[in-house]
Amino acid sequence: MKLDIYINKETNNIMEVIDGNNINCEGYEKLIPNTVDAAKEKHVPYLSLQDDNILFVQVGSVEHPMDENHYINAIYVVSDDMLYKKVLKPGEKPELTIKLNNTSNVEVFAYCNLHGLWKASL
């Protein structure tokens, strides 16, 4: 499965495209993970695989702030056979725990409202 995330710079609306080819995303710009000049230790998802394919995700090796003006909006887990999205709000912990069906081709994305899209892989 493939996930692409786009943003409309005028409205800040996000569009998520799953397995899309030749999609008309007029007015939207594709976000490229890990390209914004910001603290990587607070934005790149930190992944820990535990027994029985339990994946723990924390946004940043140093926990990302979750203030009203600066927070992680969502965490996505994408693999060959699943897509999971957790929506977050200010004040919540920027983390999740999920059981994976398999551990091949797992990518985890985190979207920061100020610093864009970040990604890590298993």
N, C-alpha and C. Protein backbone atom coordinates (compact mmCIF):
# COMPACT_ATOMS: atom_id res chain seq x y z
N MET A 1 0.85 -1.17 0.00
CA MET A 1 0.00 0.00 0.00
C MET A 1 0.90 1.24 0.00
N LYS A 2 0.46 2.27 -0.67
CA LYS A 2 1.23 3.51 -0.75
C LYS A 2 0.35 4.67 -0.29
N LEU A 3 0.92 5.55 0.52
CA LEU A 3 0.21 6.73 1.00
C LEU A 3 0.97 7.97 0.58
N ASP A 4 0.27 8.89 -0.06
CA ASP A 4 0.81 10.21 -0.37
C ASP A 4 -0.08 11.24 0.31
N ILE A 5 0.55 12.27 0.85
CA ILE A 5 -0.19 13.31 1.56
C ILE A 5 0.10 14.65 0.89
N TYR A 6 -0.97 15.40 0.65
CA TYR A 6 -0.89 16.69 -0.03
C TYR A 6 -1.46 17.77 0.87
N ILE A 7 -1.01 19.02 0.65
CA ILE A 7 -1.53 20.15 1.41
C ILE A 7 -1.93 21.27 0.45
N ASN A 8 -3.03 21.93 0.77
CA ASN A 8 -3.42 23.14 0.08
C ASN A 8 -2.84 24.29 0.90
N LYS A 9 -1.87 24.99 0.33
CA LYS A 9 -1.15 26.04 1.08
C LYS A 9 -2.04 27.21 1.47
N GLU A 10 -3.13 27.44 0.74
CA GLU A 10 -4.02 28.55 1.07
C GLU A 10 -4.95 28.22 2.23
N THR A 11 -5.44 26.97 2.28
CA THR A 11 -6.42 26.61 3.30
C THR A 11 -5.86 25.72 4.40
N ASN A 12 -4.65 25.16 4.19
CA ASN A 12 -4.02 24.18 5.08
C ASN A 12 -4.81 22.88 5.16
N ASN A 13 -5.72 22.65 4.21
CA ASN A 13 -6.42 21.36 4.15
C ASN A 13 -5.45 20.29 3.69
N ILE A 14 -5.60 19.10 4.25
CA ILE A 14 -4.77 17.96 3.92
C ILE A 14 -5.60 16.97 3.09
N MET A 15 -4.95 16.39 2.07
CA MET A 15 -5.59 15.36 1.27
C MET A 15 -4.70 14.12 1.32
N GLU A 16 -5.29 12.99 1.68
CA GLU A 16 -4.57 11.72 1.76
C GLU A 16 -4.95 10.88 0.55
N VAL A 17 -3.97 10.40 -0.20
CA VAL A 17 -4.22 9.61 -1.39
C VAL A 17 -3.59 8.23 -1.18
N ILE A 18 -4.43 7.19 -1.29
CA ILE A 18 -3.98 5.81 -1.09
C ILE A 18 -3.86 5.14 -2.45
N ASP A 19 -2.66 4.62 -2.74
CA ASP A 19 -2.41 3.92 -3.99
C ASP A 19 -2.87 4.71 -5.20
N GLY A 20 -2.66 6.01 -5.19
CA GLY A 20 -3.13 6.85 -6.29
C GLY A 20 -2.13 6.97 -7.42
N ASN A 21 -2.63 6.94 -8.63
CA ASN A 21 -1.84 7.19 -9.82
C ASN A 21 -2.58 8.22 -10.66
N ASN A 22 -1.85 9.23 -11.12
CA ASN A 22 -2.44 10.26 -11.98
C ASN A 22 -3.67 10.91 -11.36
N ILE A 23 -3.58 11.19 -10.08
CA ILE A 23 -4.67 11.85 -9.36
C ILE A 23 -4.60 13.35 -9.64
N ASN A 24 -5.74 13.99 -9.84
CA ASN A 24 -5.78 15.43 -10.04
C ASN A 24 -5.77 16.09 -8.67
N CYS A 25 -4.64 16.64 -8.32
CA CYS A 25 -4.48 17.29 -7.01
C CYS A 25 -4.30 18.80 -7.21
N GLU A 26 -5.05 19.36 -8.14
CA GLU A 26 -4.93 20.77 -8.45
C GLU A 26 -5.14 21.61 -7.19
N GLY A 27 -4.22 22.53 -6.96
CA GLY A 27 -4.29 23.38 -5.78
C GLY A 27 -3.60 22.79 -4.56
N TYR A 28 -3.11 21.55 -4.68
CA TYR A 28 -2.44 20.88 -3.59
C TYR A 28 -0.99 20.58 -3.95
N GLU A 29 -0.14 20.59 -2.94
CA GLU A 29 1.28 20.28 -3.11
C GLU A 29 1.60 19.01 -2.33
N LYS A 30 2.30 18.08 -2.99
CA LYS A 30 2.67 16.84 -2.33
C LYS A 30 3.71 17.11 -1.25
N LEU A 31 3.48 16.56 -0.06
CA LEU A 31 4.44 16.70 1.03
C LEU A 31 5.50 15.61 0.91
N ILE A 32 6.75 16.00 0.99
CA ILE A 32 7.87 15.07 0.94
C ILE A 32 8.40 14.94 2.37
N PRO A 33 8.37 13.71 2.94
CA PRO A 33 8.78 13.54 4.34
C PRO A 33 10.23 13.93 4.60
N ASN A 34 10.47 14.43 5.80
CA ASN A 34 11.81 14.71 6.34
C ASN A 34 12.58 15.75 5.55
N THR A 35 11.88 16.72 4.94
CA THR A 35 12.57 17.73 4.14
C THR A 35 12.53 19.14 4.73
N VAL A 36 11.74 19.33 5.78
CA VAL A 36 11.66 20.65 6.41
C VAL A 36 12.83 20.81 7.37
N ASP A 37 13.38 22.02 7.43
CA ASP A 37 14.49 22.29 8.34
C ASP A 37 13.92 22.50 9.75
N ALA A 38 13.86 21.40 10.50
CA ALA A 38 13.35 21.43 11.87
C ALA A 38 14.06 20.34 12.66
N ALA A 39 13.87 20.35 13.95
CA ALA A 39 14.56 19.40 14.83
C ALA A 39 14.09 17.97 14.55
N LYS A 40 14.97 17.18 13.95
CA LYS A 40 14.65 15.79 13.63
C LYS A 40 14.35 14.97 14.88
N GLU A 41 15.04 15.26 15.97
CA GLU A 41 14.84 14.48 17.19
C GLU A 41 13.43 14.67 17.77
N LYS A 42 12.71 15.71 17.34
CA LYS A 42 11.35 15.93 17.83
C LYS A 42 10.29 15.57 16.79
N HIS A 43 10.69 15.22 15.58
CA HIS A 43 9.71 15.00 14.52
C HIS A 43 9.73 13.61 13.89
N VAL A 44 10.91 13.01 13.72
CA VAL A 44 10.97 11.70 13.08
C VAL A 44 10.38 10.66 14.05
N PRO A 45 9.43 9.86 13.58
CA PRO A 45 8.85 8.84 14.47
C PRO A 45 9.90 7.86 14.98
N TYR A 46 9.85 7.60 16.27
CA TYR A 46 10.72 6.61 16.90
C TYR A 46 9.90 5.33 16.99
N LEU A 47 10.44 4.22 16.43
CA LEU A 47 9.71 2.97 16.35
C LEU A 47 10.36 1.90 17.21
N SER A 48 9.52 1.13 17.89
CA SER A 48 9.99 0.01 18.69
C SER A 48 9.07 -1.17 18.43
N LEU A 49 9.63 -2.26 17.89
CA LEU A 49 8.84 -3.46 17.63
C LEU A 49 8.99 -4.41 18.80
N GLN A 50 7.87 -4.78 19.41
CA GLN A 50 7.86 -5.65 20.56
C GLN A 50 7.36 -7.03 20.18
N ASP A 51 7.31 -7.94 21.12
CA ASP A 51 6.83 -9.31 20.87
C ASP A 51 5.45 -9.30 20.21
N ASP A 52 5.18 -10.34 19.44
CA ASP A 52 3.88 -10.53 18.78
C ASP A 52 3.53 -9.40 17.81
N ASN A 53 4.55 -8.80 17.19
CA ASN A 53 4.36 -7.74 16.19
C ASN A 53 3.63 -6.51 16.72
N ILE A 54 3.86 -6.19 17.98
CA ILE A 54 3.29 -4.97 18.56
C ILE A 54 4.26 -3.83 18.27
N LEU A 55 3.77 -2.82 17.56
CA LEU A 55 4.59 -1.66 17.22
C LEU A 55 4.23 -0.50 18.13
N PHE A 56 5.26 0.06 18.78
CA PHE A 56 5.09 1.27 19.58
C PHE A 56 5.71 2.42 18.79
N VAL A 57 4.97 3.51 18.65
CA VAL A 57 5.44 4.69 17.93
C VAL A 57 5.37 5.88 18.87
N GLN A 58 6.49 6.60 18.96
CA GLN A 58 6.52 7.89 19.65
C GLN A 58 7.07 8.88 18.65
N VAL A 59 6.42 10.02 18.51
CA VAL A 59 6.91 11.02 17.57
C VAL A 59 8.09 11.73 18.22
N GLY A 60 9.27 11.43 17.65
CA GLY A 60 10.52 12.00 18.13
C GLY A 60 11.18 11.14 19.18
N SER A 61 12.50 11.09 19.13
CA SER A 61 13.23 10.43 20.21
C SER A 61 13.16 11.28 21.47
N VAL A 62 12.95 12.59 21.27
CA VAL A 62 12.58 13.53 22.33
C VAL A 62 11.13 13.88 22.02
N GLU A 63 10.22 13.61 22.95
CA GLU A 63 8.79 13.77 22.67
C GLU A 63 8.44 15.13 22.08
N HIS A 64 7.68 15.10 21.01
CA HIS A 64 7.24 16.32 20.33
C HIS A 64 6.27 17.10 21.22
N PRO A 65 6.37 18.44 21.23
CA PRO A 65 5.41 19.23 22.01
C PRO A 65 3.99 19.07 21.45
N MET A 66 3.02 19.19 22.29
CA MET A 66 1.62 19.08 21.88
C MET A 66 0.85 20.29 22.39
N ASP A 67 1.35 21.48 22.01
CA ASP A 67 0.74 22.75 22.42
C ASP A 67 -0.35 23.16 21.44
N GLU A 68 -1.16 24.13 21.80
CA GLU A 68 -2.24 24.61 20.94
C GLU A 68 -1.73 25.08 19.57
N ASN A 69 -0.54 25.66 19.52
CA ASN A 69 -0.02 26.22 18.27
C ASN A 69 1.01 25.34 17.58
N HIS A 70 1.42 24.24 18.20
CA HIS A 70 2.45 23.36 17.63
C HIS A 70 2.20 21.95 18.14
N TYR A 71 1.74 21.09 17.23
CA TYR A 71 1.40 19.74 17.65
C TYR A 71 1.42 18.76 16.47
N ILE A 72 1.42 17.49 16.80
CA ILE A 72 1.31 16.44 15.79
C ILE A 72 -0.17 16.22 15.55
N ASN A 73 -0.58 16.41 14.30
CA ASN A 73 -1.98 16.29 13.90
C ASN A 73 -2.40 14.83 13.72
N ALA A 74 -1.48 14.00 13.17
CA ALA A 74 -1.84 12.60 12.92
C ALA A 74 -0.59 11.74 12.80
N ILE A 75 -0.76 10.47 13.13
CA ILE A 75 0.26 9.44 12.92
C ILE A 75 -0.36 8.39 12.01
N TYR A 76 0.38 7.98 10.99
CA TYR A 76 -0.08 6.98 10.03
C TYR A 76 0.87 5.78 10.07
N VAL A 77 0.31 4.58 10.04
CA VAL A 77 1.10 3.36 9.91
C VAL A 77 0.64 2.71 8.60
N VAL A 78 1.59 2.46 7.69
CA VAL A 78 1.28 1.92 6.37
C VAL A 78 2.15 0.68 6.15
N SER A 79 1.52 -0.40 5.67
CA SER A 79 2.26 -1.60 5.31
C SER A 79 1.64 -2.19 4.04
N ASP A 80 2.09 -3.36 3.65
CA ASP A 80 1.55 -4.00 2.45
C ASP A 80 0.05 -4.27 2.57
N ASP A 81 -0.43 -4.52 3.79
CA ASP A 81 -1.82 -4.95 3.93
C ASP A 81 -2.66 -4.09 4.89
N MET A 82 -2.14 -2.92 5.28
CA MET A 82 -2.94 -2.09 6.18
C MET A 82 -2.57 -0.62 6.12
N LEU A 83 -3.53 0.20 6.49
CA LEU A 83 -3.32 1.62 6.69
C LEU A 83 -4.08 1.99 7.95
N TYR A 84 -3.36 2.61 8.91
CA TYR A 84 -3.96 3.00 10.17
C TYR A 84 -3.63 4.47 10.39
N LYS A 85 -4.63 5.24 10.81
CA LYS A 85 -4.42 6.66 11.09
C LYS A 85 -4.95 6.96 12.48
N LYS A 86 -4.12 7.63 13.27
CA LYS A 86 -4.54 8.11 14.59
C LYS A 86 -4.50 9.63 14.55
N VAL A 87 -5.64 10.26 14.77
CA VAL A 87 -5.73 11.72 14.81
C VAL A 87 -5.46 12.17 16.24
N LEU A 88 -4.63 13.21 16.36
CA LEU A 88 -4.25 13.72 17.68
C LEU A 88 -4.70 15.17 17.85
N LYS A 89 -4.85 15.56 19.09
CA LYS A 89 -5.20 16.94 19.43
C LYS A 89 -4.17 17.47 20.44
N PRO A 90 -4.03 18.80 20.53
CA PRO A 90 -3.12 19.36 21.52
C PRO A 90 -3.41 18.79 22.91
N GLY A 91 -2.34 18.52 23.63
CA GLY A 91 -2.46 17.98 24.98
C GLY A 91 -2.35 16.47 25.04
N GLU A 92 -2.60 15.78 23.92
CA GLU A 92 -2.48 14.32 23.89
C GLU A 92 -1.02 13.92 23.67
N LYS A 93 -0.67 12.71 24.07
CA LYS A 93 0.69 12.21 23.84
C LYS A 93 0.83 11.84 22.37
N PRO A 94 1.93 12.22 21.74
CA PRO A 94 2.14 11.91 20.32
C PRO A 94 2.70 10.50 20.15
N GLU A 95 1.87 9.51 20.43
CA GLU A 95 2.32 8.12 20.36
C GLU A 95 1.14 7.21 20.08
N LEU A 96 1.46 5.97 19.69
CA LEU A 96 0.44 4.95 19.51
C LEU A 96 1.07 3.58 19.62
N THR A 97 0.24 2.61 19.92
CA THR A 97 0.63 1.20 19.96
C THR A 97 -0.36 0.45 19.10
N ILE A 98 0.15 -0.40 18.20
CA ILE A 98 -0.71 -1.12 17.28
C ILE A 98 -0.12 -2.49 16.99
N LYS A 99 -1.00 -3.47 16.80
CA LYS A 99 -0.55 -4.81 16.41
C LYS A 99 -0.51 -4.88 14.89
N LEU A 100 0.64 -5.28 14.36
CA LEU A 100 0.81 -5.42 12.92
C LEU A 100 0.49 -6.84 12.48
N ASN A 101 -0.08 -6.98 11.30
CA ASN A 101 -0.31 -8.30 10.72
C ASN A 101 1.01 -8.92 10.28
N ASN A 102 1.89 -8.09 9.73
CA ASN A 102 3.23 -8.52 9.37
C ASN A 102 4.15 -7.32 9.47
N THR A 103 5.43 -7.53 9.42
CA THR A 103 6.38 -6.43 9.63
C THR A 103 7.17 -6.08 8.37
N SER A 104 6.68 -6.50 7.22
CA SER A 104 7.39 -6.15 5.98
C SER A 104 6.83 -4.85 5.40
N ASN A 105 7.74 -4.02 4.93
CA ASN A 105 7.37 -2.75 4.28
C ASN A 105 6.52 -1.83 5.15
N VAL A 106 6.89 -1.70 6.41
CA VAL A 106 6.14 -0.82 7.32
C VAL A 106 6.78 0.57 7.31
N GLU A 107 5.92 1.57 7.05
CA GLU A 107 6.34 2.97 7.12
C GLU A 107 5.42 3.69 8.09
N VAL A 108 6.00 4.60 8.85
CA VAL A 108 5.23 5.39 9.81
C VAL A 108 5.46 6.85 9.50
N PHE A 109 4.36 7.58 9.36
CA PHE A 109 4.39 9.01 9.07
C PHE A 109 3.81 9.78 10.25
N ALA A 110 4.34 10.98 10.48
CA ALA A 110 3.78 11.89 11.48
C ALA A 110 3.66 13.25 10.81
N TYR A 111 2.51 13.90 11.01
CA TYR A 111 2.29 15.22 10.41
C TYR A 111 2.24 16.28 11.50
N CYS A 112 3.21 17.19 11.46
CA CYS A 112 3.29 18.32 12.39
C CYS A 112 2.61 19.52 11.74
N ASN A 113 1.75 20.21 12.47
CA ASN A 113 1.03 21.34 11.89
C ASN A 113 1.95 22.49 11.48
N LEU A 114 3.15 22.56 12.04
CA LEU A 114 4.09 23.62 11.66
C LEU A 114 5.23 23.15 10.76
N HIS A 115 5.65 21.91 10.92
CA HIS A 115 6.87 21.44 10.27
C HIS A 115 6.66 20.29 9.29
N GLY A 116 5.42 20.04 8.90
CA GLY A 116 5.15 19.12 7.82
C GLY A 116 5.23 17.65 8.16
N LEU A 117 5.56 16.88 7.13
CA LEU A 117 5.49 15.42 7.19
C LEU A 117 6.85 14.80 7.49
N TRP A 118 6.83 13.77 8.37
CA TRP A 118 8.03 13.07 8.80
C TRP A 118 7.78 11.57 8.68
N LYS A 119 8.86 10.82 8.44
CA LYS A 119 8.69 9.39 8.18
C LYS A 119 9.85 8.58 8.74
N ALA A 120 9.50 7.36 9.18
CA ALA A 120 10.49 6.35 9.59
C ALA A 120 9.98 5.01 9.07
N SER A 121 10.89 4.07 8.89
CA SER A 121 10.53 2.73 8.41
C SER A 121 11.09 1.68 9.33
N LEU A 122 10.39 0.53 9.38
CA LEU A 122 10.91 -0.62 10.13
C LEU A 122 11.98 -1.30 9.31
